Amino acid sequence: MNWEALSALSAIFVPIGGAMCVVLWWIMQKIRSDVDMLEQALAAHRLHVAENYVTNGALAKAIDGVNDSLKEIFLKLDKIMDSKADKECRR
């Protein structure tokens, strides 16, 4: 291979390689901007969840309150049923 053929090949492949590098650079920039956008969206979602969703402790406290109320209701029902049973036994 002589210098003229090498020069002709380099005249063809150097611009093609440069164009490929530009295309790869553009793709990488697009990917970086998409990643940045997704990171911002994820941060916003995490903030939304932290502000609006109930924590495990608060949920457990609310459930305990409901359980206590149900226990009181059943105790009252038991007293009512016992008093009715006592009245029926006295007759």
PDB file of N, CA and C in Angstrom:
ATOM      1  N   MET A   1       0.849  -1.157   0.000  1.00  0.00           N
ATOM      2  CA  MET A   1       0.000   0.000   0.000  1.00  0.00           C
ATOM      3  C   MET A   1       0.904   1.233   0.000  1.00  0.00           C
ATOM      4  N   ASN A   2       0.615   2.133  -0.890  1.00  0.00           N
ATOM      5  CA  ASN A   2       1.444   3.336  -0.985  1.00  0.00           C
ATOM      6  C   ASN A   2       0.801   4.493  -0.227  1.00  0.00           C
ATOM      7  N   TRP A   3       1.485   5.584  -0.191  1.00  0.00           N
ATOM      8  CA  TRP A   3       1.036   6.749   0.563  1.00  0.00           C
ATOM      9  C   TRP A   3      -0.220   7.369  -0.017  1.00  0.00           C
ATOM     10  N   GLU A   4      -0.353   7.279  -1.316  1.00  0.00           N
ATOM     11  CA  GLU A   4      -1.539   7.871  -1.942  1.00  0.00           C
ATOM     12  C   GLU A   4      -2.801   7.090  -1.560  1.00  0.00           C
ATOM     13  N   ALA A   5      -2.713   5.769  -1.530  1.00  0.00           N
ATOM     14  CA  ALA A   5      -3.868   4.958  -1.144  1.00  0.00           C
ATOM     15  C   ALA A   5      -4.194   5.174   0.337  1.00  0.00           C
ATOM     16  N   LEU A   6      -3.154   5.258   1.152  1.00  0.00           N
ATOM     17  CA  LEU A   6      -3.353   5.517   2.571  1.00  0.00           C
ATOM     18  C   LEU A   6      -3.982   6.892   2.791  1.00  0.00           C
ATOM     19  N   SER A   7      -3.556   7.851   2.030  1.00  0.00           N
ATOM     20  CA  SER A   7      -4.119   9.194   2.115  1.00  0.00           C
ATOM     21  C   SER A   7      -5.579   9.195   1.679  1.00  0.00           C
ATOM     22  N   ALA A   8      -5.893   8.429   0.642  1.00  0.00           N
ATOM     23  CA  ALA A   8      -7.275   8.352   0.167  1.00  0.00           C
ATOM     24  C   ALA A   8      -8.161   7.668   1.210  1.00  0.00           C
ATOM     25  N   LEU A   9      -7.662   6.601   1.813  1.00  0.00           N
ATOM     26  CA  LEU A   9      -8.427   5.912   2.855  1.00  0.00           C
ATOM     27  C   LEU A   9      -8.635   6.808   4.080  1.00  0.00           C
ATOM     28  N   SER A  10      -7.589   7.532   4.457  1.00  0.00           N
ATOM     29  CA  SER A  10      -7.734   8.421   5.606  1.00  0.00           C
ATOM     30  C   SER A  10      -8.677   9.570   5.281  1.00  0.00           C
ATOM     31  N   ALA A  11      -8.708  10.003   4.036  1.00  0.00           N
ATOM     32  CA  ALA A  11      -9.631  11.069   3.636  1.00  0.00           C
ATOM     33  C   ALA A  11     -11.075  10.581   3.719  1.00  0.00           C
ATOM     34  N   ILE A  12     -11.278   9.291   3.600  1.00  0.00           N
ATOM     35  CA  ILE A  12     -12.628   8.734   3.692  1.00  0.00           C
ATOM     36  C   ILE A  12     -12.983   8.426   5.154  1.00  0.00           C
ATOM     37  N   PHE A  13     -12.084   7.749   5.863  1.00  0.00           N
ATOM     38  CA  PHE A  13     -12.409   7.250   7.200  1.00  0.00           C
ATOM     39  C   PHE A  13     -12.308   8.292   8.315  1.00  0.00           C
ATOM     40  N   VAL A  14     -11.472   9.288   8.171  1.00  0.00           N
ATOM     41  CA  VAL A  14     -11.361  10.316   9.212  1.00  0.00           C
ATOM     42  C   VAL A  14     -12.664  11.105   9.339  1.00  0.00           C
ATOM     43  N   PRO A  15     -13.268  11.594   8.249  1.00  0.00           N
ATOM     44  CA  PRO A  15     -14.556  12.291   8.412  1.00  0.00           C
ATOM     45  C   PRO A  15     -15.670  11.368   8.922  1.00  0.00           C
ATOM     46  N   ILE A  16     -15.652  10.105   8.482  1.00  0.00           N
ATOM     47  CA  ILE A  16     -16.658   9.160   8.969  1.00  0.00           C
ATOM     48  C   ILE A  16     -16.476   8.943  10.471  1.00  0.00           C
ATOM     49  N   GLY A  17     -15.244   8.764  10.905  1.00  0.00           N
ATOM     50  CA  GLY A  17     -14.961   8.603  12.333  1.00  0.00           C
ATOM     51  C   GLY A  17     -15.355   9.847  13.120  1.00  0.00           C
ATOM     52  N   GLY A  18     -15.079  11.012  12.559  1.00  0.00           N
ATOM     53  CA  GLY A  18     -15.477  12.256  13.222  1.00  0.00           C
ATOM     54  C   GLY A  18     -16.985  12.363  13.344  1.00  0.00           C
ATOM     55  N   ALA A  19     -17.681  12.003  12.277  1.00  0.00           N
ATOM     56  CA  ALA A  19     -19.142  12.046  12.304  1.00  0.00           C
ATOM     57  C   ALA A  19     -19.680  11.060  13.340  1.00  0.00           C
ATOM     58  N   MET A  20     -19.068   9.890  13.415  1.00  0.00           N
ATOM     59  CA  MET A  20     -19.501   8.907  14.412  1.00  0.00           C
ATOM     60  C   MET A  20     -19.260   9.428  15.830  1.00  0.00           C
ATOM     61  N   CYS A  21     -18.141  10.105  16.037  1.00  0.00           N
ATOM     62  CA  CYS A  21     -17.860  10.677  17.360  1.00  0.00           C
ATOM     63  C   CYS A  21     -18.883  11.746  17.720  1.00  0.00           C
ATOM     64  N   VAL A  22     -19.262  12.579  16.739  1.00  0.00           N
ATOM     65  CA  VAL A  22     -20.270  13.611  16.989  1.00  0.00           C
ATOM     66  C   VAL A  22     -21.606  12.968  17.344  1.00  0.00           C
ATOM     67  N   VAL A  23     -21.982  11.926  16.601  1.00  0.00           N
ATOM     68  CA  VAL A  23     -23.247  11.240  16.880  1.00  0.00           C
ATOM     69  C   VAL A  23     -23.203  10.603  18.269  1.00  0.00           C
ATOM     70  N   LEU A  24     -22.115   9.956  18.629  1.00  0.00           N
ATOM     71  CA  LEU A  24     -21.988   9.352  19.957  1.00  0.00           C
ATOM     72  C   LEU A  24     -22.021  10.414  21.053  1.00  0.00           C
ATOM     73  N   TRP A  25     -21.364  11.556  20.815  1.00  0.00           N
ATOM     74  CA  TRP A  25     -21.388  12.642  21.790  1.00  0.00           C
ATOM     75  C   TRP A  25     -22.816  13.149  21.983  1.00  0.00           C
ATOM     76  N   TRP A  26     -23.554  13.306  20.886  1.00  0.00           N
ATOM     77  CA  TRP A  26     -24.937  13.787  20.957  1.00  0.00           C
ATOM     78  C   TRP A  26     -25.808  12.789  21.734  1.00  0.00           C
ATOM     79  N   ILE A  27     -25.611  11.504  21.470  1.00  0.00           N
ATOM     80  CA  ILE A  27     -26.375  10.470  22.183  1.00  0.00           C
ATOM     81  C   ILE A  27     -26.051  10.515  23.678  1.00  0.00           C
ATOM     82  N   MET A  28     -24.781  10.659  24.025  1.00  0.00           N
ATOM     83  CA  MET A  28     -24.391  10.719  25.433  1.00  0.00           C
ATOM     84  C   MET A  28     -24.987  11.949  26.118  1.00  0.00           C
ATOM     85  N   GLN A  29     -25.008  13.079  25.428  1.00  0.00           N
ATOM     86  CA  GLN A  29     -25.614  14.287  26.001  1.00  0.00           C
ATOM     87  C   GLN A  29     -27.103  14.082  26.239  1.00  0.00           C
ATOM     88  N   LYS A  30     -27.779  13.446  25.305  1.00  0.00           N
ATOM     89  CA  LYS A  30     -29.206  13.166  25.440  1.00  0.00           C
ATOM     90  C   LYS A  30     -29.448  12.238  26.633  1.00  0.00           C
ATOM     91  N   ILE A  31     -28.631  11.215  26.770  1.00  0.00           N
ATOM     92  CA  ILE A  31     -28.765  10.284  27.894  1.00  0.00           C
ATOM     93  C   ILE A  31     -28.530  11.015  29.213  1.00  0.00           C
ATOM     94  N   ARG A  32     -27.505  11.875  29.267  1.00  0.00           N
ATOM     95  CA  ARG A  32     -27.231  12.627  30.499  1.00  0.00           C
ATOM     96  C   ARG A  32     -28.396  13.537  30.866  1.00  0.00           C
ATOM     97  N   SER A  33     -28.965  14.213  29.870  1.00  0.00           N
ATOM     98  CA  SER A  33     -30.092  15.104  30.172  1.00  0.00           C
ATOM     99  C   SER A  33     -31.309  14.298  30.626  1.00  0.00           C
ATOM    100  N   ASP A  34     -31.517  13.124  30.029  1.00  0.00           N
ATOM    101  CA  ASP A  34     -32.627  12.267  30.462  1.00  0.00           C
ATOM    102  C   ASP A  34     -32.413  11.768  31.893  1.00  0.00           C
ATOM    103  N   VAL A  35     -31.190  11.409  32.222  1.00  0.00           N
ATOM    104  CA  VAL A  35     -30.880  10.951  33.580  1.00  0.00           C
ATOM    105  C   VAL A  35     -31.105  12.085  34.574  1.00  0.00           C
ATOM    106  N   ASP A  36     -30.661  13.290  34.232  1.00  0.00           N
ATOM    107  CA  ASP A  36     -30.884  14.437  35.118  1.00  0.00           C
ATOM    108  C   ASP A  36     -32.371  14.689  35.330  1.00  0.00           C
ATOM    109  N   MET A  37     -33.147  14.598  34.256  1.00  0.00           N
ATOM    110  CA  MET A  37     -34.587  14.810  34.354  1.00  0.00           C
ATOM    111  C   MET A  37     -35.228  13.737  35.244  1.00  0.00           C
ATOM    112  N   LEU A  38     -34.807  12.492  35.086  1.00  0.00           N
ATOM    113  CA  LEU A  38     -35.344  11.405  35.906  1.00  0.00           C
ATOM    114  C   LEU A  38     -34.949  11.556  37.374  1.00  0.00           C
ATOM    115  N   GLU A  39     -33.730  12.022  37.625  1.00  0.00           N
ATOM    116  CA  GLU A  39     -33.312  12.248  39.007  1.00  0.00           C
ATOM    117  C   GLU A  39     -34.167  13.325  39.663  1.00  0.00           C
ATOM    118  N   GLN A  40     -34.471  14.386  38.918  1.00  0.00           N
ATOM    119  CA  GLN A  40     -35.327  15.450  39.460  1.00  0.00           C
ATOM    120  C   GLN A  40     -36.740  14.930  39.711  1.00  0.00           C
ATOM    121  N   ALA A  41     -37.254  14.130  38.784  1.00  0.00           N
ATOM    122  CA  ALA A  41     -38.600  13.574  38.962  1.00  0.00           C
ATOM    123  C   ALA A  41     -38.637  12.632  40.163  1.00  0.00           C
ATOM    124  N   LEU A  42     -37.608  11.834  40.339  1.00  0.00           N
ATOM    125  CA  LEU A  42     -37.543  10.925  41.483  1.00  0.00           C
ATOM    126  C   LEU A  42     -37.458  11.703  42.791  1.00  0.00           C
ATOM    127  N   ALA A  43     -36.666  12.761  42.803  1.00  0.00           N
ATOM    128  CA  ALA A  43     -36.565  13.583  44.015  1.00  0.00           C
ATOM    129  C   ALA A  43     -37.912  14.219  44.343  1.00  0.00           C
ATOM    130  N   ALA A  44     -38.619  14.696  43.329  1.00  0.00           N
ATOM    131  CA  ALA A  44     -39.941  15.289  43.557  1.00  0.00           C
ATOM    132  C   ALA A  44     -40.919  14.240  44.077  1.00  0.00           C
ATOM    133  N   HIS A  45     -40.843  13.032  43.539  1.00  0.00           N
ATOM    134  CA  HIS A  45     -41.735  11.957  43.993  1.00  0.00           C
ATOM    135  C   HIS A  45     -41.430  11.573  45.440  1.00  0.00           C
ATOM    136  N   ARG A  46     -40.158  11.475  45.765  1.00  0.00           N
ATOM    137  CA  ARG A  46     -39.786  11.144  47.147  1.00  0.00           C
ATOM    138  C   ARG A  46     -40.292  12.204  48.116  1.00  0.00           C
ATOM    139  N   LEU A  47     -40.195  13.470  47.722  1.00  0.00           N
ATOM    140  CA  LEU A  47     -40.697  14.546  48.568  1.00  0.00           C
ATOM    141  C   LEU A  47     -42.208  14.442  48.726  1.00  0.00           C
ATOM    142  N   HIS A  48     -42.899  14.162  47.636  1.00  0.00           N
ATOM    143  CA  HIS A  48     -44.357  14.013  47.681  1.00  0.00           C
ATOM    144  C   HIS A  48     -44.755  12.874  48.620  1.00  0.00           C
ATOM    145  N   VAL A  49     -44.072  11.762  48.510  1.00  0.00           N
ATOM    146  CA  VAL A  49     -44.372  10.608  49.370  1.00  0.00           C
ATOM    147  C   VAL A  49     -44.093  10.955  50.830  1.00  0.00           C
ATOM    148  N   ALA A  50     -42.981  11.621  51.085  1.00  0.00           N
ATOM    149  CA  ALA A  50     -42.636  11.971  52.463  1.00  0.00           C
ATOM    150  C   ALA A  50     -43.648  12.938  53.066  1.00  0.00           C
ATOM    151  N   GLU A  51     -44.200  13.823  52.245  1.00  0.00           N
ATOM    152  CA  GLU A  51     -45.151  14.810  52.758  1.00  0.00           C
ATOM    153  C   GLU A  51     -46.562  14.253  52.907  1.00  0.00           C
ATOM    154  N   ASN A  52     -46.970  13.332  52.050  1.00  0.00           N
ATOM    155  CA  ASN A  52     -48.379  12.961  51.966  1.00  0.00           C
ATOM    156  C   ASN A  52     -48.734  11.567  52.454  1.00  0.00           C
ATOM    157  N   TYR A  53     -47.810  10.668  52.514  1.00  0.00           N
ATOM    158  CA  TYR A  53     -48.152   9.305  52.892  1.00  0.00           C
ATOM    159  C   TYR A  53     -47.928   9.105  54.381  1.00  0.00           C
ATOM    160  N   VAL A  54     -48.739   8.267  54.962  1.00  0.00           N
ATOM    161  CA  VAL A  54     -48.683   8.022  56.400  1.00  0.00           C
ATOM    162  C   VAL A  54     -47.467   7.155  56.728  1.00  0.00           C
ATOM    163  N   THR A  55     -46.892   7.418  57.890  1.00  0.00           N
ATOM    164  CA  THR A  55     -45.758   6.607  58.324  1.00  0.00           C
ATOM    165  C   THR A  55     -46.268   5.351  59.018  1.00  0.00           C
ATOM    166  N   ASN A  56     -45.392   4.391  59.182  1.00  0.00           N
ATOM    167  CA  ASN A  56     -45.779   3.143  59.854  1.00  0.00           C
ATOM    168  C   ASN A  56     -46.210   3.403  61.292  1.00  0.00           C
ATOM    169  N   GLY A  57     -45.508   4.291  61.971  1.00  0.00           N
ATOM    170  CA  GLY A  57     -45.857   4.588  63.357  1.00  0.00           C
ATOM    171  C   GLY A  57     -47.224   5.236  63.482  1.00  0.00           C
ATOM    172  N   ALA A  58     -47.510   6.184  62.588  1.00  0.00           N
ATOM    173  CA  ALA A  58     -48.818   6.852  62.636  1.00  0.00           C
ATOM    174  C   ALA A  58     -49.937   5.877  62.297  1.00  0.00           C
ATOM    175  N   LEU A  59     -49.690   4.998  61.342  1.00  0.00           N
ATOM    176  CA  LEU A  59     -50.695   4.002  60.979  1.00  0.00           C
ATOM    177  C   LEU A  59     -50.942   3.034  62.138  1.00  0.00           C
ATOM    178  N   ALA A  60     -49.883   2.603  62.780  1.00  0.00           N
ATOM    179  CA  ALA A  60     -50.030   1.693  63.924  1.00  0.00           C
ATOM    180  C   ALA A  60     -50.794   2.376  65.053  1.00  0.00           C
ATOM    181  N   LYS A  61     -50.519   3.657  65.284  1.00  0.00           N
ATOM    182  CA  LYS A  61     -51.226   4.396  66.331  1.00  0.00           C
ATOM    183  C   LYS A  61     -52.713   4.505  66.007  1.00  0.00           C
ATOM    184  N   ALA A  62     -53.036   4.775  64.738  1.00  0.00           N
ATOM    185  CA  ALA A  62     -54.443   4.872  64.336  1.00  0.00           C
ATOM    186  C   ALA A  62     -55.147   3.528  64.484  1.00  0.00           C
ATOM    187  N   ILE A  63     -54.479   2.465  64.100  1.00  0.00           N
ATOM    188  CA  ILE A  63     -55.071   1.126  64.221  1.00  0.00           C
ATOM    189  C   ILE A  63     -55.275   0.768  65.693  1.00  0.00           C
ATOM    190  N   ASP A  64     -54.315   1.143  66.536  1.00  0.00           N
ATOM    191  CA  ASP A  64     -54.473   0.886  67.975  1.00  0.00           C
ATOM    192  C   ASP A  64     -55.689   1.623  68.525  1.00  0.00           C
ATOM    193  N   GLY A  65     -55.906   2.848  68.054  1.00  0.00           N
ATOM    194  CA  GLY A  65     -57.082   3.593  68.492  1.00  0.00           C
ATOM    195  C   GLY A  65     -58.371   2.911  68.088  1.00  0.00           C
ATOM    196  N   VAL A  66     -58.414   2.403  66.865  1.00  0.00           N
ATOM    197  CA  VAL A  66     -59.603   1.679  66.398  1.00  0.00           C
ATOM    198  C   VAL A  66     -59.797   0.405  67.212  1.00  0.00           C
ATOM    199  N   ASN A  67     -58.722  -0.310  67.463  1.00  0.00           N
ATOM    200  CA  ASN A  67     -58.816  -1.539  68.267  1.00  0.00           C
ATOM    201  C   ASN A  67     -59.332  -1.244  69.672  1.00  0.00           C
ATOM    202  N   ASP A  68     -58.830  -0.172  70.279  1.00  0.00           N
ATOM    203  CA  ASP A  68     -59.305   0.190  71.623  1.00  0.00           C
ATOM    204  C   ASP A  68     -60.792   0.521  71.603  1.00  0.00           C
ATOM    205  N   SER A  69     -61.227   1.248  70.577  1.00  0.00           N
ATOM    206  CA  SER A  69     -62.655   1.581  70.470  1.00  0.00           C
ATOM    207  C   SER A  69     -63.499   0.325  70.304  1.00  0.00           C
ATOM    208  N   LEU A  70     -63.033  -0.603  69.493  1.00  0.00           N
ATOM    209  CA  LEU A  70     -63.770  -1.856  69.305  1.00  0.00           C
ATOM    210  C   LEU A  70     -63.841  -2.661  70.600  1.00  0.00           C
ATOM    211  N   LYS A  71     -62.751  -2.672  71.350  1.00  0.00           N
ATOM    212  CA  LYS A  71     -62.758  -3.384  72.635  1.00  0.00           C
ATOM    213  C   LYS A  71     -63.798  -2.780  73.577  1.00  0.00           C
ATOM    214  N   GLU A  72     -63.858  -1.442  73.615  1.00  0.00           N
ATOM    215  CA  GLU A  72     -64.847  -0.787  74.471  1.00  0.00           C
ATOM    216  C   GLU A  72     -66.269  -1.122  74.031  1.00  0.00           C
ATOM    217  N   ILE A  73     -66.505  -1.120  72.731  1.00  0.00           N
ATOM    218  CA  ILE A  73     -67.839  -1.460  72.213  1.00  0.00           C
ATOM    219  C   ILE A  73     -68.215  -2.880  72.615  1.00  0.00           C
ATOM    220  N   PHE A  74     -67.302  -3.818  72.448  1.00  0.00           N
ATOM    221  CA  PHE A  74     -67.603  -5.207  72.799  1.00  0.00           C
ATOM    222  C   PHE A  74     -67.799  -5.380  74.306  1.00  0.00           C
ATOM    223  N   LEU A  75     -67.057  -4.625  75.108  1.00  0.00           N
ATOM    224  CA  LEU A  75     -67.277  -4.692  76.559  1.00  0.00           C
ATOM    225  C   LEU A  75     -68.674  -4.191  76.912  1.00  0.00           C
ATOM    226  N   LYS A  76     -69.091  -3.107  76.283  1.00  0.00           N
ATOM    227  CA  LYS A  76     -70.445  -2.594  76.531  1.00  0.00           C
ATOM    228  C   LYS A  76     -71.498  -3.595  76.069  1.00  0.00           C
ATOM    229  N   LEU A  77     -71.276  -4.194  74.909  1.00  0.00           N
ATOM    230  CA  LEU A  77     -72.217  -5.209  74.424  1.00  0.00           C
ATOM    231  C   LEU A  77     -72.273  -6.400  75.375  1.00  0.00           C
ATOM    232  N   ASP A  78     -71.125  -6.811  75.883  1.00  0.00           N
ATOM    233  CA  ASP A  78     -71.102  -7.920  76.846  1.00  0.00           C
ATOM    234  C   ASP A  78     -71.896  -7.566  78.099  1.00  0.00           C
ATOM    235  N   LYS A  79     -71.736  -6.334  78.590  1.00  0.00           N
ATOM    236  CA  LYS A  79     -72.491  -5.909  79.775  1.00  0.00           C
ATOM    237  C   LYS A  79     -73.983  -5.908  79.490  1.00  0.00           C
ATOM    238  N   ILE A  80     -74.373  -5.423  78.309  1.00  0.00           N
ATOM    239  CA  ILE A  80     -75.794  -5.407  77.941  1.00  0.00           C
ATOM    240  C   ILE A  80     -76.330  -6.827  77.856  1.00  0.00           C
ATOM    241  N   MET A  81     -75.588  -7.699  77.203  1.00  0.00           N
ATOM    242  CA  MET A  81     -76.033  -9.090  77.057  1.00  0.00           C
ATOM    243  C   MET A  81     -76.092  -9.783  78.418  1.00  0.00           C
ATOM    244  N   ASP A  82     -75.110  -9.509  79.282  1.00  0.00           N
ATOM    245  CA  ASP A  82     -75.121 -10.112  80.624  1.00  0.00           C
ATOM    246  C   ASP A  82     -76.318  -9.626  81.431  1.00  0.00           C
ATOM    247  N   SER A  83     -76.612  -8.334  81.328  1.00  0.00           N
ATOM    248  CA  SER A  83     -77.762  -7.813  82.086  1.00  0.00           C
ATOM    249  C   SER A  83     -79.064  -8.392  81.552  1.00  0.00           C
ATOM    250  N   LYS A  84     -79.182  -8.606  80.251  1.00  0.00           N
ATOM    251  CA  LYS A  84     -80.382  -9.239  79.687  1.00  0.00           C
ATOM    252  C   LYS A  84     -80.479 -10.695  80.130  1.00  0.00           C
ATOM    253  N   ALA A  85     -79.349 -11.369  80.162  1.00  0.00           N
ATOM    254  CA  ALA A  85     -79.344 -12.767  80.601  1.00  0.00           C
ATOM    255  C   ALA A  85     -79.731 -12.859  82.074  1.00  0.00           C
ATOM    256  N   ASP A  86     -79.261 -11.903  82.891  1.00  0.00           N
ATOM    257  CA  ASP A  86     -79.631 -11.892  84.315  1.00  0.00           C
ATOM    258  C   ASP A  86     -81.125 -11.656  84.484  1.00  0.00           C
ATOM    259  N   LYS A  87     -81.703 -10.778  83.697  1.00  0.00           N
ATOM    260  CA  LYS A  87     -83.139 -10.496  83.776  1.00  0.00           C
ATOM    261  C   LYS A  87     -83.952 -11.720  83.380  1.00  0.00           C
ATOM    262  N   GLU A  88     -83.499 -12.444  82.371  1.00  0.00           N
ATOM    263  CA  GLU A  88     -84.216 -13.645  81.932  1.00  0.00           C
ATOM    264  C   GLU A  88     -84.116 -14.746  82.980  1.00  0.00           C
ATOM    265  N   CYS A  89     -82.996 -14.850  83.660  1.00  0.00           N
ATOM    266  CA  CYS A  89     -82.832 -15.878  84.693  1.00  0.00           C
ATOM    267  C   CYS A  89     -83.691 -15.576  85.913  1.00  0.00           C
ATOM    268  N   ARG A  90     -83.937 -14.326  86.210  1.00  0.00           N
ATOM    269  CA  ARG A  90     -84.733 -13.938  87.379  1.00  0.00           C
ATOM    270  C   ARG A  90     -86.207 -14.242  87.177  1.00  0.00           C
ATOM    271  N   ARG A  91     -86.677 -14.330  85.989  1.00  0.00           N
ATOM    272  CA  ARG A  91     -88.096 -14.568  85.717  1.00  0.00           C
ATOM    273  C   ARG A  91     -88.442 -15.958  85.996  1.00  0.00           C
TER     274      ARG A  91
END
